[in-house]
Amino acid sequence: MLNEEDVRRLYSYKDFAGFMLALSQSPTARPGGLRTHYLRLMQKLRQQSSACQVYVSIGVIRARQPVEPIFEGMERGRERGQRDFAFSLLWT
C-alpha cells in the first residue's frame, strides 16, 4: 500500500514517459486494484444512469508483468458490478 508521500512522488511526472511509468506502477495496475477500479466505475455509472466507452491500454503494464492476471482482475470487477448493480460493461 502506498502512503501519501509515495503517491505524490509517483504522480509528480514532468513528461509523457513519466506519466507512463506512473501508470505502470500504480496500485490500479494490479489485478486487485483493477477489480476495485472497474467495480467502482460501474457503480458510479449506474448511479448516474450513464454509459461510457472504456479503453484499456496495457502496453506499459505488459512490459512489466503478464497480462492474464490484469484481464482476470478487470473481468472479476465487471462480473461483480453486473451482479451487484445490474449494469453491463462490455469489452471490445
N, C-alpha and C. Protein backbone atom coordinates (compact mmCIF):
# COMPACT_ATOMS: atom_id res chain seq x y z
N MET A 1 0.85 -1.19 0.00
CA MET A 1 0.00 0.00 0.00
C MET A 1 0.89 1.23 0.00
N LEU A 2 0.57 2.17 -0.86
CA LEU A 2 1.34 3.41 -0.94
C LEU A 2 0.86 4.41 0.12
N ASN A 3 1.82 5.10 0.73
CA ASN A 3 1.42 6.18 1.63
C ASN A 3 1.30 7.48 0.81
N GLU A 4 0.91 8.55 1.47
CA GLU A 4 0.67 9.81 0.76
C GLU A 4 1.93 10.31 0.05
N GLU A 5 3.07 10.21 0.70
CA GLU A 5 4.32 10.67 0.09
C GLU A 5 4.66 9.85 -1.16
N ASP A 6 4.45 8.54 -1.09
CA ASP A 6 4.69 7.68 -2.25
C ASP A 6 3.80 8.07 -3.43
N VAL A 7 2.54 8.35 -3.13
CA VAL A 7 1.58 8.73 -4.17
C VAL A 7 1.99 10.06 -4.80
N ARG A 8 2.35 11.02 -4.00
CA ARG A 8 2.79 12.32 -4.53
C ARG A 8 4.02 12.16 -5.42
N ARG A 9 4.96 11.36 -4.99
CA ARG A 9 6.17 11.14 -5.77
C ARG A 9 5.84 10.41 -7.09
N LEU A 10 4.98 9.40 -7.02
CA LEU A 10 4.61 8.63 -8.20
C LEU A 10 3.92 9.50 -9.24
N TYR A 11 3.04 10.39 -8.79
CA TYR A 11 2.27 11.20 -9.73
C TYR A 11 2.86 12.59 -9.98
N SER A 12 4.11 12.78 -9.65
CA SER A 12 4.81 14.03 -9.96
C SER A 12 5.70 13.80 -11.17
N TYR A 13 5.10 13.66 -12.31
CA TYR A 13 5.85 13.42 -13.54
C TYR A 13 5.87 14.69 -14.37
N LYS A 14 6.89 14.81 -15.20
CA LYS A 14 7.08 16.03 -15.99
C LYS A 14 6.87 15.83 -17.48
N ASP A 15 6.73 14.58 -17.91
CA ASP A 15 6.58 14.31 -19.34
C ASP A 15 5.77 13.02 -19.53
N PHE A 16 5.53 12.68 -20.78
CA PHE A 16 4.71 11.51 -21.09
C PHE A 16 5.36 10.23 -20.58
N ALA A 17 6.67 10.12 -20.70
CA ALA A 17 7.38 8.93 -20.21
C ALA A 17 7.17 8.77 -18.70
N GLY A 18 7.20 9.87 -17.98
CA GLY A 18 6.95 9.83 -16.54
C GLY A 18 5.52 9.42 -16.23
N PHE A 19 4.57 9.92 -17.03
CA PHE A 19 3.17 9.53 -16.87
C PHE A 19 3.01 8.02 -17.08
N MET A 20 3.62 7.48 -18.13
CA MET A 20 3.51 6.05 -18.42
C MET A 20 4.16 5.22 -17.31
N LEU A 21 5.26 5.69 -16.76
CA LEU A 21 5.89 4.98 -15.66
C LEU A 21 4.98 4.99 -14.43
N ALA A 22 4.37 6.14 -14.14
CA ALA A 22 3.45 6.23 -13.00
C ALA A 22 2.27 5.29 -13.21
N LEU A 23 1.76 5.25 -14.43
CA LEU A 23 0.64 4.37 -14.75
C LEU A 23 1.00 2.91 -14.50
N SER A 24 2.17 2.51 -14.92
CA SER A 24 2.58 1.11 -14.79
C SER A 24 2.85 0.72 -13.34
N GLN A 25 3.16 1.69 -12.48
CA GLN A 25 3.46 1.40 -11.08
C GLN A 25 2.27 1.65 -10.15
N SER A 26 1.20 2.15 -10.71
CA SER A 26 0.02 2.46 -9.92
C SER A 26 -0.59 1.20 -9.30
N PRO A 27 -1.13 1.31 -8.09
CA PRO A 27 -1.81 0.16 -7.49
C PRO A 27 -2.95 -0.36 -8.35
N THR A 28 -3.56 0.50 -9.17
CA THR A 28 -4.64 0.03 -10.04
C THR A 28 -4.12 -0.80 -11.19
N ALA A 29 -2.80 -0.84 -11.37
CA ALA A 29 -2.22 -1.66 -12.45
C ALA A 29 -2.04 -3.11 -12.01
N ARG A 30 -2.61 -3.45 -10.87
CA ARG A 30 -2.55 -4.82 -10.37
C ARG A 30 -3.96 -5.40 -10.41
N PRO A 31 -4.09 -6.72 -10.50
CA PRO A 31 -5.42 -7.32 -10.64
C PRO A 31 -6.43 -6.88 -9.58
N GLY A 32 -6.05 -6.88 -8.31
CA GLY A 32 -6.99 -6.47 -7.26
C GLY A 32 -7.40 -5.01 -7.39
N GLY A 33 -6.45 -4.16 -7.75
CA GLY A 33 -6.75 -2.75 -7.95
C GLY A 33 -7.66 -2.52 -9.14
N LEU A 34 -7.45 -3.27 -10.19
CA LEU A 34 -8.31 -3.15 -11.37
C LEU A 34 -9.72 -3.65 -11.07
N ARG A 35 -9.82 -4.72 -10.32
CA ARG A 35 -11.15 -5.22 -9.94
C ARG A 35 -11.92 -4.15 -9.21
N THR A 36 -11.27 -3.54 -8.22
CA THR A 36 -11.90 -2.48 -7.44
C THR A 36 -12.22 -1.27 -8.31
N HIS A 37 -11.29 -0.90 -9.17
CA HIS A 37 -11.47 0.25 -10.05
C HIS A 37 -12.71 0.07 -10.95
N TYR A 38 -12.84 -1.08 -11.60
CA TYR A 38 -13.96 -1.30 -12.50
C TYR A 38 -15.27 -1.46 -11.75
N LEU A 39 -15.23 -2.04 -10.58
CA LEU A 39 -16.42 -2.15 -9.77
C LEU A 39 -16.93 -0.77 -9.38
N ARG A 40 -16.04 0.10 -8.94
CA ARG A 40 -16.44 1.47 -8.58
C ARG A 40 -16.92 2.25 -9.80
N LEU A 41 -16.25 2.06 -10.93
CA LEU A 41 -16.68 2.73 -12.16
C LEU A 41 -18.12 2.33 -12.50
N MET A 42 -18.41 1.06 -12.47
CA MET A 42 -19.76 0.60 -12.80
C MET A 42 -20.79 1.12 -11.80
N GLN A 43 -20.41 1.18 -10.54
CA GLN A 43 -21.33 1.70 -9.52
C GLN A 43 -21.66 3.17 -9.81
N LYS A 44 -20.65 3.96 -10.10
CA LYS A 44 -20.88 5.38 -10.38
C LYS A 44 -21.69 5.58 -11.65
N LEU A 45 -21.38 4.82 -12.69
CA LEU A 45 -22.13 4.94 -13.93
C LEU A 45 -23.59 4.56 -13.71
N ARG A 46 -23.83 3.54 -12.94
CA ARG A 46 -25.21 3.11 -12.64
C ARG A 46 -25.94 4.19 -11.86
N GLN A 47 -25.28 4.78 -10.87
CA GLN A 47 -25.91 5.84 -10.08
C GLN A 47 -26.27 7.03 -10.94
N GLN A 48 -25.46 7.30 -11.96
CA GLN A 48 -25.69 8.44 -12.84
C GLN A 48 -26.55 8.08 -14.03
N SER A 49 -26.94 6.82 -14.14
CA SER A 49 -27.66 6.32 -15.31
C SER A 49 -26.90 6.70 -16.58
N SER A 50 -25.60 6.51 -16.53
CA SER A 50 -24.73 6.91 -17.64
C SER A 50 -24.19 5.69 -18.37
N ALA A 51 -23.71 5.95 -19.54
CA ALA A 51 -22.99 4.94 -20.31
C ALA A 51 -21.67 5.57 -20.72
N CYS A 52 -20.68 4.75 -20.93
CA CYS A 52 -19.40 5.27 -21.38
C CYS A 52 -18.67 4.19 -22.16
N GLN A 53 -17.67 4.61 -22.86
CA GLN A 53 -16.81 3.69 -23.58
C GLN A 53 -15.50 3.62 -22.82
N VAL A 54 -15.06 2.42 -22.49
CA VAL A 54 -13.86 2.22 -21.70
C VAL A 54 -12.75 1.71 -22.60
N TYR A 55 -11.63 2.39 -22.57
CA TYR A 55 -10.44 1.94 -23.31
C TYR A 55 -9.43 1.43 -22.31
N VAL A 56 -8.84 0.32 -22.63
CA VAL A 56 -7.82 -0.27 -21.78
C VAL A 56 -6.51 -0.30 -22.56
N SER A 57 -5.51 0.35 -22.02
CA SER A 57 -4.19 0.38 -22.65
C SER A 57 -3.21 -0.33 -21.73
N ILE A 58 -2.76 -1.50 -22.14
CA ILE A 58 -1.92 -2.30 -21.27
C ILE A 58 -0.47 -2.36 -21.72
N GLY A 59 -0.10 -1.59 -22.72
CA GLY A 59 1.25 -1.68 -23.27
C GLY A 59 2.35 -1.54 -22.24
N VAL A 60 2.28 -0.54 -21.41
CA VAL A 60 3.32 -0.32 -20.41
C VAL A 60 3.24 -1.38 -19.33
N ILE A 61 2.04 -1.72 -18.91
CA ILE A 61 1.87 -2.73 -17.89
C ILE A 61 2.40 -4.07 -18.39
N ARG A 62 2.10 -4.38 -19.63
CA ARG A 62 2.51 -5.66 -20.22
C ARG A 62 4.03 -5.83 -20.21
N ALA A 63 4.75 -4.74 -20.32
CA ALA A 63 6.21 -4.82 -20.30
C ALA A 63 6.74 -5.20 -18.92
N ARG A 64 5.92 -5.04 -17.89
CA ARG A 64 6.37 -5.29 -16.52
C ARG A 64 5.78 -6.55 -15.89
N GLN A 65 4.66 -7.03 -16.42
CA GLN A 65 4.01 -8.19 -15.81
C GLN A 65 3.10 -8.87 -16.83
N PRO A 66 2.73 -10.13 -16.59
CA PRO A 66 1.85 -10.84 -17.52
C PRO A 66 0.47 -10.17 -17.59
N VAL A 67 -0.16 -10.23 -18.74
CA VAL A 67 -1.46 -9.57 -18.91
C VAL A 67 -2.63 -10.40 -18.40
N GLU A 68 -2.49 -11.69 -18.34
CA GLU A 68 -3.62 -12.54 -17.94
C GLU A 68 -4.19 -12.16 -16.58
N PRO A 69 -3.36 -11.97 -15.54
CA PRO A 69 -3.93 -11.55 -14.25
C PRO A 69 -4.61 -10.18 -14.32
N ILE A 70 -4.11 -9.31 -15.17
CA ILE A 70 -4.73 -7.99 -15.33
C ILE A 70 -6.15 -8.13 -15.87
N PHE A 71 -6.29 -8.90 -16.95
CA PHE A 71 -7.61 -9.10 -17.54
C PHE A 71 -8.53 -9.86 -16.60
N GLU A 72 -7.98 -10.80 -15.83
CA GLU A 72 -8.80 -11.53 -14.86
C GLU A 72 -9.35 -10.58 -13.80
N GLY A 73 -8.51 -9.65 -13.32
CA GLY A 73 -8.96 -8.68 -12.34
C GLY A 73 -10.04 -7.77 -12.89
N MET A 74 -9.85 -7.31 -14.12
CA MET A 74 -10.85 -6.46 -14.77
C MET A 74 -12.17 -7.22 -14.93
N GLU A 75 -12.07 -8.45 -15.36
CA GLU A 75 -13.28 -9.24 -15.59
C GLU A 75 -14.01 -9.54 -14.28
N ARG A 76 -13.27 -9.81 -13.20
CA ARG A 76 -13.91 -10.04 -11.90
C ARG A 76 -14.68 -8.79 -11.46
N GLY A 77 -14.09 -7.62 -11.67
CA GLY A 77 -14.80 -6.38 -11.33
C GLY A 77 -16.03 -6.19 -12.18
N ARG A 78 -15.91 -6.47 -13.47
CA ARG A 78 -17.05 -6.34 -14.38
C ARG A 78 -18.18 -7.29 -13.98
N GLU A 79 -17.84 -8.54 -13.69
CA GLU A 79 -18.86 -9.52 -13.32
C GLU A 79 -19.56 -9.13 -12.02
N ARG A 80 -18.78 -8.68 -11.04
CA ARG A 80 -19.40 -8.30 -9.77
C ARG A 80 -20.26 -7.06 -9.94
N GLY A 81 -19.78 -6.09 -10.72
CA GLY A 81 -20.58 -4.90 -10.97
C GLY A 81 -21.89 -5.22 -11.66
N GLN A 82 -21.84 -6.14 -12.59
CA GLN A 82 -23.07 -6.55 -13.30
C GLN A 82 -24.03 -7.21 -12.32
N ARG A 83 -23.50 -8.05 -11.45
CA ARG A 83 -24.32 -8.76 -10.46
C ARG A 83 -24.87 -7.79 -9.41
N ASP A 84 -23.99 -6.91 -8.86
CA ASP A 84 -24.39 -6.04 -7.75
C ASP A 84 -25.23 -4.84 -8.19
N PHE A 85 -24.96 -4.31 -9.38
CA PHE A 85 -25.59 -3.06 -9.79
C PHE A 85 -26.51 -3.20 -10.99
N ALA A 86 -26.66 -4.41 -11.50
CA ALA A 86 -27.48 -4.65 -12.69
C ALA A 86 -27.08 -3.68 -13.81
N PHE A 87 -25.77 -3.59 -14.02
CA PHE A 87 -25.21 -2.68 -15.01
C PHE A 87 -24.19 -3.46 -15.83
N SER A 88 -24.25 -3.32 -17.14
CA SER A 88 -23.35 -4.08 -18.02
C SER A 88 -22.21 -3.22 -18.52
N LEU A 89 -21.08 -3.85 -18.61
CA LEU A 89 -19.89 -3.25 -19.20
C LEU A 89 -19.32 -4.31 -20.14
N LEU A 90 -19.16 -3.96 -21.40
CA LEU A 90 -18.69 -4.93 -22.38
C LEU A 90 -17.30 -4.57 -22.86
N TRP A 91 -16.48 -5.56 -23.08
CA TRP A 91 -15.13 -5.35 -23.61
C TRP A 91 -15.19 -5.40 -25.13
N THR A 92 -14.45 -4.52 -25.76
CA THR A 92 -14.39 -4.55 -27.22
C THR A 92 -12.95 -4.76 -27.67
